[in-house]
């Protein structure tokens, strides 16, 4: 099954569609700033669960974040779990740079 993932910035989400179908098979909602993209919710239609739609959403979104030089905040459990299983994307994760002084 071929999954096409595209950014829909007007809706603040990535949308996945299965080739040949017009309906949205899955979404990944985000909040984006000039330096950071926070993935807050991922949803895959029941009939596409387990078919790689969620993975396609995450991989495309993270590849585009890397290309745009954005840090990633994975508040969505699906994104966080996927990144933990794919160490090649862990360098994208946002790390707080503030320091607490004594």
PDB file of N, CA and C in Angstrom:
ATOM      1  N   UNK A   1       0.852  -1.174   0.000  1.00  0.00           N
ATOM      2  CA  UNK A   1       0.000   0.000   0.000  1.00  0.00           C
ATOM      3  C   UNK A   1       0.897   1.237   0.000  1.00  0.00           C
ATOM      4  N   UNK A   2       0.640   2.158  -0.909  1.00  0.00           N
ATOM      5  CA  UNK A   2       1.388   3.408  -0.989  1.00  0.00           C
ATOM      6  C   UNK A   2       0.642   4.484  -0.220  1.00  0.00           C
ATOM      7  N   UNK A   3       1.365   5.168   0.684  1.00  0.00           N
ATOM      8  CA  UNK A   3       0.773   6.225   1.497  1.00  0.00           C
ATOM      9  C   UNK A   3       1.415   7.546   1.098  1.00  0.00           C
ATOM     10  N   UNK A   4       0.585   8.517   0.765  1.00  0.00           N
ATOM     11  CA  UNK A   4       1.036   9.854   0.405  1.00  0.00           C
ATOM     12  C   UNK A   4       0.780  10.777   1.590  1.00  0.00           C
ATOM     13  N   UNK A   5       1.845  11.412   2.099  1.00  0.00           N
ATOM     14  CA  UNK A   5       1.718  12.313   3.247  1.00  0.00           C
ATOM     15  C   UNK A   5       2.083  13.719   2.798  1.00  0.00           C
ATOM     16  N   UNK A   6       1.232  14.671   3.157  1.00  0.00           N
ATOM     17  CA  UNK A   6       1.475  16.073   2.812  1.00  0.00           C
ATOM     18  C   UNK A   6       1.145  16.970   3.987  1.00  0.00           C
ATOM     19  N   UNK A   7       1.911  18.054   4.078  1.00  0.00           N
ATOM     20  CA  UNK A   7       1.643  19.073   5.074  1.00  0.00           C
ATOM     21  C   UNK A   7       0.433  19.885   4.627  1.00  0.00           C
ATOM     22  N   UNK A   8      -0.484  20.119   5.544  1.00  0.00           N
ATOM     23  CA  UNK A   8      -1.637  20.985   5.303  1.00  0.00           C
ATOM     24  C   UNK A   8      -1.536  22.132   6.310  1.00  0.00           C
ATOM     25  N   UNK A   9      -0.657  23.112   6.036  1.00  0.00           N
ATOM     26  CA  UNK A   9      -0.384  24.156   7.028  1.00  0.00           C
ATOM     27  C   UNK A   9      -1.612  24.956   7.448  1.00  0.00           C
ATOM     28  N   UNK A  10      -2.577  25.119   6.559  1.00  0.00           N
ATOM     29  CA  UNK A  10      -3.787  25.858   6.921  1.00  0.00           C
ATOM     30  C   UNK A  10      -4.585  25.134   8.003  1.00  0.00           C
ATOM     31  N   UNK A  11      -4.444  23.815   8.087  1.00  0.00           N
ATOM     32  CA  UNK A  11      -5.118  23.010   9.113  1.00  0.00           C
ATOM     33  C   UNK A  11      -4.168  22.644  10.259  1.00  0.00           C
ATOM     34  N   UNK A  12      -2.888  23.042  10.139  1.00  0.00           N
ATOM     35  CA  UNK A  12      -1.862  22.740  11.143  1.00  0.00           C
ATOM     36  C   UNK A  12      -1.754  21.237  11.388  1.00  0.00           C
ATOM     37  N   UNK A  13      -1.623  20.501  10.278  1.00  0.00           N
ATOM     38  CA  UNK A  13      -1.500  19.058  10.401  1.00  0.00           C
ATOM     39  C   UNK A  13      -0.913  18.458   9.123  1.00  0.00           C
ATOM     40  N   UNK A  14      -0.356  17.282   9.287  1.00  0.00           N
ATOM     41  CA  UNK A  14       0.025  16.463   8.146  1.00  0.00           C
ATOM     42  C   UNK A  14      -1.143  15.528   7.885  1.00  0.00           C
ATOM     43  N   UNK A  15      -1.398  15.260   6.602  1.00  0.00           N
ATOM     44  CA  UNK A  15      -2.485  14.368   6.217  1.00  0.00           C
ATOM     45  C   UNK A  15      -1.930  13.225   5.384  1.00  0.00           C
ATOM     46  N   UNK A  16      -2.392  12.029   5.673  1.00  0.00           N
ATOM     47  CA  UNK A  16      -1.988  10.849   4.918  1.00  0.00           C
ATOM     48  C   UNK A  16      -3.190  10.327   4.146  1.00  0.00           C
ATOM     49  N   UNK A  17      -2.913   9.982   2.900  1.00  0.00           N
ATOM     50  CA  UNK A  17      -3.935   9.365   2.050  1.00  0.00           C
ATOM     51  C   UNK A  17      -3.334   8.129   1.405  1.00  0.00           C
ATOM     52  N   UNK A  18      -4.132   7.112   1.280  1.00  0.00           N
ATOM     53  CA  UNK A  18      -3.702   5.897   0.597  1.00  0.00           C
ATOM     54  C   UNK A  18      -3.867   6.147  -0.895  1.00  0.00           C
ATOM     55  N   UNK A  19      -2.879   5.723  -1.672  1.00  0.00           N
ATOM     56  CA  UNK A  19      -2.902   5.957  -3.115  1.00  0.00           C
ATOM     57  C   UNK A  19      -4.218   5.500  -3.723  1.00  0.00           C
ATOM     58  N   UNK A  20      -4.784   6.371  -4.541  1.00  0.00           N
ATOM     59  CA  UNK A  20      -6.021   6.042  -5.233  1.00  0.00           C
ATOM     60  C   UNK A  20      -7.278   6.388  -4.456  1.00  0.00           C
ATOM     61  N   UNK A  21      -7.131   6.863  -3.224  1.00  0.00           N
ATOM     62  CA  UNK A  21      -8.291   7.214  -2.410  1.00  0.00           C
ATOM     63  C   UNK A  21      -8.235   8.693  -2.047  1.00  0.00           C
ATOM     64  N   UNK A  22      -9.381   9.327  -1.981  1.00  0.00           N
ATOM     65  CA  UNK A  22      -9.404  10.758  -1.670  1.00  0.00           C
ATOM     66  C   UNK A  22      -9.567  11.036  -0.173  1.00  0.00           C
ATOM     67  N   UNK A  23     -10.095  10.075   0.561  1.00  0.00           N
ATOM     68  CA  UNK A  23     -10.344  10.318   1.980  1.00  0.00           C
ATOM     69  C   UNK A  23      -9.035  10.294   2.773  1.00  0.00           C
ATOM     70  N   UNK A  24      -8.999  11.087   3.841  1.00  0.00           N
ATOM     71  CA  UNK A  24      -7.822  11.151   4.709  1.00  0.00           C
ATOM     72  C   UNK A  24      -7.768   9.880   5.553  1.00  0.00           C
ATOM     73  N   UNK A  25      -6.619   9.195   5.496  1.00  0.00           N
ATOM     74  CA  UNK A  25      -6.438   7.949   6.249  1.00  0.00           C
ATOM     75  C   UNK A  25      -5.854   8.199   7.629  1.00  0.00           C
ATOM     76  N   UNK A  26      -5.172   9.338   7.794  1.00  0.00           N
ATOM     77  CA  UNK A  26      -4.579   9.664   9.085  1.00  0.00           C
ATOM     78  C   UNK A  26      -4.104  11.095   9.116  1.00  0.00           C
ATOM     79  N   UNK A  27      -3.954  11.629  10.338  1.00  0.00           N
ATOM     80  CA  UNK A  27      -3.492  13.006  10.518  1.00  0.00           C
ATOM     81  C   UNK A  27      -2.501  13.074  11.670  1.00  0.00           C
ATOM     82  N   UNK A  28      -1.635  14.067  11.605  1.00  0.00           N
ATOM     83  CA  UNK A  28      -0.716  14.380  12.700  1.00  0.00           C
ATOM     84  C   UNK A  28      -0.797  15.886  12.909  1.00  0.00           C
ATOM     85  N   UNK A  29      -1.433  16.300  13.998  1.00  0.00           N
ATOM     86  CA  UNK A  29      -1.607  17.726  14.291  1.00  0.00           C
ATOM     87  C   UNK A  29      -0.351  18.281  14.942  1.00  0.00           C
ATOM     88  N   UNK A  30      -0.065  19.544  14.647  1.00  0.00           N
ATOM     89  CA  UNK A  30       1.136  20.168  15.196  1.00  0.00           C
ATOM     90  C   UNK A  30       0.925  21.629  15.531  1.00  0.00           C
ATOM     91  N   UNK A  31       1.853  22.144  16.340  1.00  0.00           N
ATOM     92  CA  UNK A  31       1.991  23.565  16.619  1.00  0.00           C
ATOM     93  C   UNK A  31       3.411  23.902  16.179  1.00  0.00           C
ATOM     94  N   UNK A  32       3.550  24.924  15.352  1.00  0.00           N
ATOM     95  CA  UNK A  32       4.859  25.225  14.775  1.00  0.00           C
ATOM     96  C   UNK A  32       5.272  26.664  15.057  1.00  0.00           C
ATOM     97  N   UNK A  33       6.541  26.839  15.412  1.00  0.00           N
ATOM     98  CA  UNK A  33       7.144  28.163  15.526  1.00  0.00           C
ATOM     99  C   UNK A  33       8.306  28.210  14.532  1.00  0.00           C
ATOM    100  N   UNK A  34       9.081  29.262  14.564  1.00  0.00           N
ATOM    101  CA  UNK A  34      10.211  29.371  13.646  1.00  0.00           C
ATOM    102  C   UNK A  34      11.339  28.405  14.004  1.00  0.00           C
ATOM    103  N   UNK A  35      11.380  27.922  15.249  1.00  0.00           N
ATOM    104  CA  UNK A  35      12.464  27.037  15.686  1.00  0.00           C
ATOM    105  C   UNK A  35      12.016  25.640  16.093  1.00  0.00           C
ATOM    106  N   UNK A  36      10.716  25.449  16.309  1.00  0.00           N
ATOM    107  CA  UNK A  36      10.221  24.228  16.933  1.00  0.00           C
ATOM    108  C   UNK A  36       8.916  23.783  16.294  1.00  0.00           C
ATOM    109  N   UNK A  37       8.741  22.461  16.217  1.00  0.00           N
ATOM    110  CA  UNK A  37       7.441  21.910  15.836  1.00  0.00           C
ATOM    111  C   UNK A  37       7.051  20.899  16.911  1.00  0.00           C
ATOM    112  N   UNK A  38       5.875  21.097  17.488  1.00  0.00           N
ATOM    113  CA  UNK A  38       5.367  20.199  18.523  1.00  0.00           C
ATOM    114  C   UNK A  38       4.254  19.357  17.915  1.00  0.00           C
ATOM    115  N   UNK A  39       4.429  18.048  17.969  1.00  0.00           N
ATOM    116  CA  UNK A  39       3.402  17.138  17.471  1.00  0.00           C
ATOM    117  C   UNK A  39       2.512  16.764  18.649  1.00  0.00           C
ATOM    118  N   UNK A  40       1.235  17.144  18.543  1.00  0.00           N
ATOM    119  CA  UNK A  40       0.340  17.047  19.689  1.00  0.00           C
ATOM    120  C   UNK A  40      -0.709  15.940  19.589  1.00  0.00           C
ATOM    121  N   UNK A  41      -0.989  15.469  18.383  1.00  0.00           N
ATOM    122  CA  UNK A  41      -2.031  14.437  18.257  1.00  0.00           C
ATOM    123  C   UNK A  41      -1.879  13.725  16.913  1.00  0.00           C
ATOM    124  N   UNK A  42      -1.961  12.413  16.952  1.00  0.00           N
ATOM    125  CA  UNK A  42      -1.930  11.606  15.736  1.00  0.00           C
ATOM    126  C   UNK A  42      -3.135  10.680  15.754  1.00  0.00           C
ATOM    127  N   UNK A  43      -3.768  10.562  14.600  1.00  0.00           N
ATOM    128  CA  UNK A  43      -4.960   9.720  14.504  1.00  0.00           C
ATOM    129  C   UNK A  43      -4.952   9.001  13.158  1.00  0.00           C
ATOM    130  N   UNK A  44      -5.226   7.712  13.180  1.00  0.00           N
ATOM    131  CA  UNK A  44      -5.318   6.913  11.959  1.00  0.00           C
ATOM    132  C   UNK A  44      -6.704   6.279  11.934  1.00  0.00           C
ATOM    133  N   UNK A  45      -7.372   6.366  10.790  1.00  0.00           N
ATOM    134  CA  UNK A  45      -8.696   5.761  10.645  1.00  0.00           C
ATOM    135  C   UNK A  45      -8.597   4.262  10.928  1.00  0.00           C
ATOM    136  N   UNK A  46      -9.612   3.724  11.583  1.00  0.00           N
ATOM    137  CA  UNK A  46      -9.599   2.323  12.027  1.00  0.00           C
ATOM    138  C   UNK A  46      -9.263   1.343  10.909  1.00  0.00           C
ATOM    139  N   UNK A  47      -9.766   1.583   9.721  1.00  0.00           N
ATOM    140  CA  UNK A  47      -9.525   0.630   8.630  1.00  0.00           C
ATOM    141  C   UNK A  47      -8.077   0.643   8.127  1.00  0.00           C
ATOM    142  N   UNK A  48      -7.282   1.631   8.574  1.00  0.00           N
ATOM    143  CA  UNK A  48      -5.879   1.702   8.148  1.00  0.00           C
ATOM    144  C   UNK A  48      -4.896   1.409   9.275  1.00  0.00           C
ATOM    145  N   UNK A  49      -5.395   1.131  10.456  1.00  0.00           N
ATOM    146  CA  UNK A  49      -4.500   0.822  11.579  1.00  0.00           C
ATOM    147  C   UNK A  49      -3.668  -0.412  11.258  1.00  0.00           C
ATOM    148  N   UNK A  50      -2.384  -0.332  11.581  1.00  0.00           N
ATOM    149  CA  UNK A  50      -1.485  -1.450  11.342  1.00  0.00           C
ATOM    150  C   UNK A  50      -0.999  -1.574   9.910  1.00  0.00           C
ATOM    151  N   UNK A  51      -1.356  -0.618   9.057  1.00  0.00           N
ATOM    152  CA  UNK A  51      -0.980  -0.674   7.642  1.00  0.00           C
ATOM    153  C   UNK A  51       0.175   0.269   7.302  1.00  0.00           C
ATOM    154  N   UNK A  52       0.772   0.896   8.307  1.00  0.00           N
ATOM    155  CA  UNK A  52       1.917   1.773   8.064  1.00  0.00           C
ATOM    156  C   UNK A  52       1.580   3.232   7.857  1.00  0.00           C
ATOM    157  N   UNK A  53       0.317   3.601   8.004  1.00  0.00           N
ATOM    158  CA  UNK A  53      -0.081   4.997   7.801  1.00  0.00           C
ATOM    159  C   UNK A  53       0.534   5.885   8.873  1.00  0.00           C
ATOM    160  N   UNK A  54       0.469   5.465  10.134  1.00  0.00           N
ATOM    161  CA  UNK A  54       1.040   6.249  11.223  1.00  0.00           C
ATOM    162  C   UNK A  54       2.540   6.428  11.059  1.00  0.00           C
ATOM    163  N   UNK A  55       3.229   5.365  10.706  1.00  0.00           N
ATOM    164  CA  UNK A  55       4.676   5.449  10.489  1.00  0.00           C
ATOM    165  C   UNK A  55       5.010   6.384   9.340  1.00  0.00           C
ATOM    166  N   UNK A  56       4.224   6.346   8.280  1.00  0.00           N
ATOM    167  CA  UNK A  56       4.452   7.243   7.143  1.00  0.00           C
ATOM    168  C   UNK A  56       4.252   8.699   7.562  1.00  0.00           C
ATOM    169  N   UNK A  57       3.247   8.955   8.383  1.00  0.00           N
ATOM    170  CA  UNK A  57       3.016  10.303   8.893  1.00  0.00           C
ATOM    171  C   UNK A  57       4.223  10.800   9.678  1.00  0.00           C
ATOM    172  N   UNK A  58       4.677   9.986  10.624  1.00  0.00           N
ATOM    173  CA  UNK A  58       5.788  10.397  11.486  1.00  0.00           C
ATOM    174  C   UNK A  58       7.058  10.592  10.666  1.00  0.00           C
ATOM    175  N   UNK A  59       7.384   9.637   9.848  1.00  0.00           N
ATOM    176  CA  UNK A  59       8.635   9.713   9.076  1.00  0.00           C
ATOM    177  C   UNK A  59       8.653  10.957   8.170  1.00  0.00           C
ATOM    178  N   UNK A  60       7.566  11.210   7.466  1.00  0.00           N
ATOM    179  CA  UNK A  60       7.513  12.381   6.589  1.00  0.00           C
ATOM    180  C   UNK A  60       7.610  13.669   7.389  1.00  0.00           C
ATOM    181  N   UNK A  61       6.857  13.767   8.477  1.00  0.00           N
ATOM    182  CA  UNK A  61       6.875  14.972   9.301  1.00  0.00           C
ATOM    183  C   UNK A  61       8.265  15.220   9.878  1.00  0.00           C
ATOM    184  N   UNK A  62       8.930  14.170  10.347  1.00  0.00           N
ATOM    185  CA  UNK A  62      10.264  14.338  10.919  1.00  0.00           C
ATOM    186  C   UNK A  62      11.300  14.653   9.845  1.00  0.00           C
ATOM    187  N   UNK A  63      11.186  14.051   8.686  1.00  0.00           N
ATOM    188  CA  UNK A  63      12.107  14.372   7.596  1.00  0.00           C
ATOM    189  C   UNK A  63      11.963  15.841   7.189  1.00  0.00           C
ATOM    190  N   UNK A  64      10.739  16.332   7.153  1.00  0.00           N
ATOM    191  CA  UNK A  64      10.522  17.737   6.810  1.00  0.00           C
ATOM    192  C   UNK A  64      10.993  18.665   7.920  1.00  0.00           C
ATOM    193  N   UNK A  65      10.833  18.251   9.183  1.00  0.00           N
ATOM    194  CA  UNK A  65      11.356  19.041  10.304  1.00  0.00           C
ATOM    195  C   UNK A  65      12.877  19.152  10.198  1.00  0.00           C
ATOM    196  N   UNK A  66      13.523  18.038   9.887  1.00  0.00           N
ATOM    197  CA  UNK A  66      14.983  18.043   9.726  1.00  0.00           C
ATOM    198  C   UNK A  66      15.396  18.990   8.592  1.00  0.00           C
ATOM    199  N   UNK A  67      14.709  18.904   7.464  1.00  0.00           N
ATOM    200  CA  UNK A  67      15.034  19.749   6.314  1.00  0.00           C
ATOM    201  C   UNK A  67      14.849  21.233   6.627  1.00  0.00           C
ATOM    202  N   UNK A  68      13.892  21.554   7.497  1.00  0.00           N
ATOM    203  CA  UNK A  68      13.624  22.944   7.886  1.00  0.00           C
ATOM    204  C   UNK A  68      14.443  23.371   9.106  1.00  0.00           C
ATOM    205  N   UNK A  69      15.302  22.479   9.587  1.00  0.00           N
ATOM    206  CA  UNK A  69      16.151  22.760  10.753  1.00  0.00           C
ATOM    207  C   UNK A  69      15.322  23.094  12.005  1.00  0.00           C
ATOM    208  N   UNK A  70      14.242  22.328  12.206  1.00  0.00           N
ATOM    209  CA  UNK A  70      13.365  22.529  13.364  1.00  0.00           C
ATOM    210  C   UNK A  70      13.662  21.485  14.433  1.00  0.00           C
ATOM    211  N   UNK A  71      13.577  21.880  15.678  1.00  0.00           N
ATOM    212  CA  UNK A  71      13.608  20.951  16.806  1.00  0.00           C
ATOM    213  C   UNK A  71      12.206  20.370  16.925  1.00  0.00           C
ATOM    214  N   UNK A  72      12.106  19.167  17.486  1.00  0.00           N
ATOM    215  CA  UNK A  72      10.831  18.456  17.597  1.00  0.00           C
ATOM    216  C   UNK A  72      10.478  18.237  19.058  1.00  0.00           C
ATOM    217  N   UNK A  73       9.255  18.582  19.409  1.00  0.00           N
ATOM    218  CA  UNK A  73       8.704  18.285  20.728  1.00  0.00           C
ATOM    219  C   UNK A  73       7.584  17.273  20.497  1.00  0.00           C
ATOM    220  N   UNK A  74       7.810  16.062  20.956  1.00  0.00           N
ATOM    221  CA  UNK A  74       6.857  14.970  20.706  1.00  0.00           C
ATOM    222  C   UNK A  74       5.957  14.787  21.920  1.00  0.00           C
ATOM    223  N   UNK A  75       4.928  15.620  22.025  1.00  0.00           N
ATOM    224  CA  UNK A  75       3.985  15.467  23.138  1.00  0.00           C
ATOM    225  C   UNK A  75       2.966  14.370  22.850  1.00  0.00           C
ATOM    226  N   UNK A  76       2.784  14.052  21.594  1.00  0.00           N
ATOM    227  CA  UNK A  76       1.897  12.958  21.191  1.00  0.00           C
ATOM    228  C   UNK A  76       2.576  11.628  21.523  1.00  0.00           C
ATOM    229  N   UNK A  77       1.916  10.739  22.263  1.00  0.00           N
ATOM    230  CA  UNK A  77       2.525   9.454  22.616  1.00  0.00           C
ATOM    231  C   UNK A  77       2.936   8.615  21.410  1.00  0.00           C
ATOM    232  N   UNK A  78       2.203   8.699  20.313  1.00  0.00           N
ATOM    233  CA  UNK A  78       2.560   7.923  19.128  1.00  0.00           C
ATOM    234  C   UNK A  78       3.889   8.408  18.565  1.00  0.00           C
ATOM    235  N   UNK A  79       4.055   9.727  18.436  1.00  0.00           N
ATOM    236  CA  UNK A  79       5.315  10.281  17.947  1.00  0.00           C
ATOM    237  C   UNK A  79       6.464   9.931  18.893  1.00  0.00           C
ATOM    238  N   UNK A  80       6.241  10.110  20.185  1.00  0.00           N
ATOM    239  CA  UNK A  80       7.301   9.835  21.168  1.00  0.00           C
ATOM    240  C   UNK A  80       7.739   8.378  21.108  1.00  0.00           C
ATOM    241  N   UNK A  81       6.788   7.466  21.030  1.00  0.00           N
ATOM    242  CA  UNK A  81       7.111   6.040  20.959  1.00  0.00           C
ATOM    243  C   UNK A  81       7.835   5.685  19.681  1.00  0.00           C
ATOM    244  N   UNK A  82       7.398   6.263  18.566  1.00  0.00           N
ATOM    245  CA  UNK A  82       8.024   5.974  17.280  1.00  0.00           C
ATOM    246  C   UNK A  82       9.478   6.456  17.280  1.00  0.00           C
ATOM    247  N   UNK A  83       9.694   7.661  17.773  1.00  0.00           N
ATOM    248  CA  UNK A  83      11.052   8.211  17.819  1.00  0.00           C
ATOM    249  C   UNK A  83      11.942   7.374  18.736  1.00  0.00           C
ATOM    250  N   UNK A  84      11.399   6.880  19.844  1.00  0.00           N
ATOM    251  CA  UNK A  84      12.212   6.061  20.757  1.00  0.00           C
ATOM    252  C   UNK A  84      12.663   4.762  20.101  1.00  0.00           C
ATOM    253  N   UNK A  85      11.902   4.279  19.110  1.00  0.00           N
ATOM    254  CA  UNK A  85      12.275   3.048  18.394  1.00  0.00           C
ATOM    255  C   UNK A  85      13.120   3.313  17.147  1.00  0.00           C
ATOM    256  N   UNK A  86      13.346   4.573  16.819  1.00  0.00           N
ATOM    257  CA  UNK A  86      14.118   4.954  15.636  1.00  0.00           C
ATOM    258  C   UNK A  86      15.192   5.968  16.038  1.00  0.00           C
ATOM    259  N   UNK A  87      16.312   5.480  16.542  1.00  0.00           N
ATOM    260  CA  UNK A  87      17.346   6.381  17.074  1.00  0.00           C
ATOM    261  C   UNK A  87      17.890   7.381  16.059  1.00  0.00           C
ATOM    262  N   UNK A  88      17.743   7.103  14.775  1.00  0.00           N
ATOM    263  CA  UNK A  88      18.244   8.031  13.761  1.00  0.00           C
ATOM    264  C   UNK A  88      17.480   9.360  13.748  1.00  0.00           C
ATOM    265  N   UNK A  89      16.365   9.429  14.477  1.00  0.00           N
ATOM    266  CA  UNK A  89      15.589  10.668  14.565  1.00  0.00           C
ATOM    267  C   UNK A  89      15.690  11.341  15.936  1.00  0.00           C
ATOM    268  N   UNK A  90      16.351  10.724  16.886  1.00  0.00           N
ATOM    269  CA  UNK A  90      16.397  11.265  18.247  1.00  0.00           C
ATOM    270  C   UNK A  90      17.163  12.581  18.347  1.00  0.00           C
ATOM    271  N   UNK A  91      18.049  12.848  17.388  1.00  0.00           N
ATOM    272  CA  UNK A  91      18.783  14.116  17.408  1.00  0.00           C
ATOM    273  C   UNK A  91      17.870  15.318  17.157  1.00  0.00           C
ATOM    274  N   UNK A  92      16.665  15.080  16.650  1.00  0.00           N
ATOM    275  CA  UNK A  92      15.730  16.169  16.392  1.00  0.00           C
ATOM    276  C   UNK A  92      15.014  16.645  17.655  1.00  0.00           C
ATOM    277  N   UNK A  93      15.014  15.839  18.697  1.00  0.00           N
ATOM    278  CA  UNK A  93      14.225  16.147  19.883  1.00  0.00           C
ATOM    279  C   UNK A  93      14.689  17.434  20.569  1.00  0.00           C
ATOM    280  N   UNK A  94      13.720  18.216  20.963  1.00  0.00           N
ATOM    281  CA  UNK A  94      13.969  19.472  21.665  1.00  0.00           C
ATOM    282  C   UNK A  94      14.562  19.185  23.038  1.00  0.00           C
ATOM    283  N   UNK A  95      15.602  19.913  23.359  1.00  0.00           N
ATOM    284  CA  UNK A  95      16.212  19.845  24.688  1.00  0.00           C
ATOM    285  C   UNK A  95      16.158  21.249  25.270  1.00  0.00           C
ATOM    286  N   UNK A  96      15.612  21.382  26.446  1.00  0.00           N
ATOM    287  CA  UNK A  96      15.567  22.701  27.091  1.00  0.00           C
ATOM    288  C   UNK A  96      16.996  23.184  27.316  1.00  0.00           C
ATOM    289  N   UNK A  97      17.246  24.421  26.955  1.00  0.00           N
ATOM    290  CA  UNK A  97      18.592  24.975  27.100  1.00  0.00           C
ATOM    291  C   UNK A  97      18.698  25.914  28.290  1.00  0.00           C
ATOM    292  N   UNK A  98      17.611  26.077  29.013  1.00  0.00           N
ATOM    293  CA  UNK A  98      17.664  26.997  30.168  1.00  0.00           C
ATOM    294  C   UNK A  98      18.385  26.303  31.324  1.00  0.00           C
ATOM    295  N   UNK A  99      19.095  27.098  32.069  1.00  0.00           N
ATOM    296  CA  UNK A  99      19.834  26.569  33.214  1.00  0.00           C
ATOM    297  C   UNK A  99      19.296  27.215  34.480  1.00  0.00           C
ATOM    298  N   UNK A 100      19.222  26.431  35.506  1.00  0.00           N
ATOM    299  CA  UNK A 100      18.786  26.918  36.798  1.00  0.00           C
ATOM    300  C   UNK A 100      20.048  27.285  37.580  1.00  0.00           C
ATOM    301  N   UNK A 101      20.092  28.497  38.058  1.00  0.00           N
ATOM    302  CA  UNK A 101      21.272  28.901  38.830  1.00  0.00           C
ATOM    303  C   UNK A 101      20.992  28.732  40.315  1.00  0.00           C
ATOM    304  N   UNK A 102      22.042  28.451  41.032  1.00  0.00           N
ATOM    305  CA  UNK A 102      21.909  28.241  42.492  1.00  0.00           C
ATOM    306  C   UNK A 102      21.785  29.538  43.233  1.00  0.00           C
TER     307      UNK A 102
END
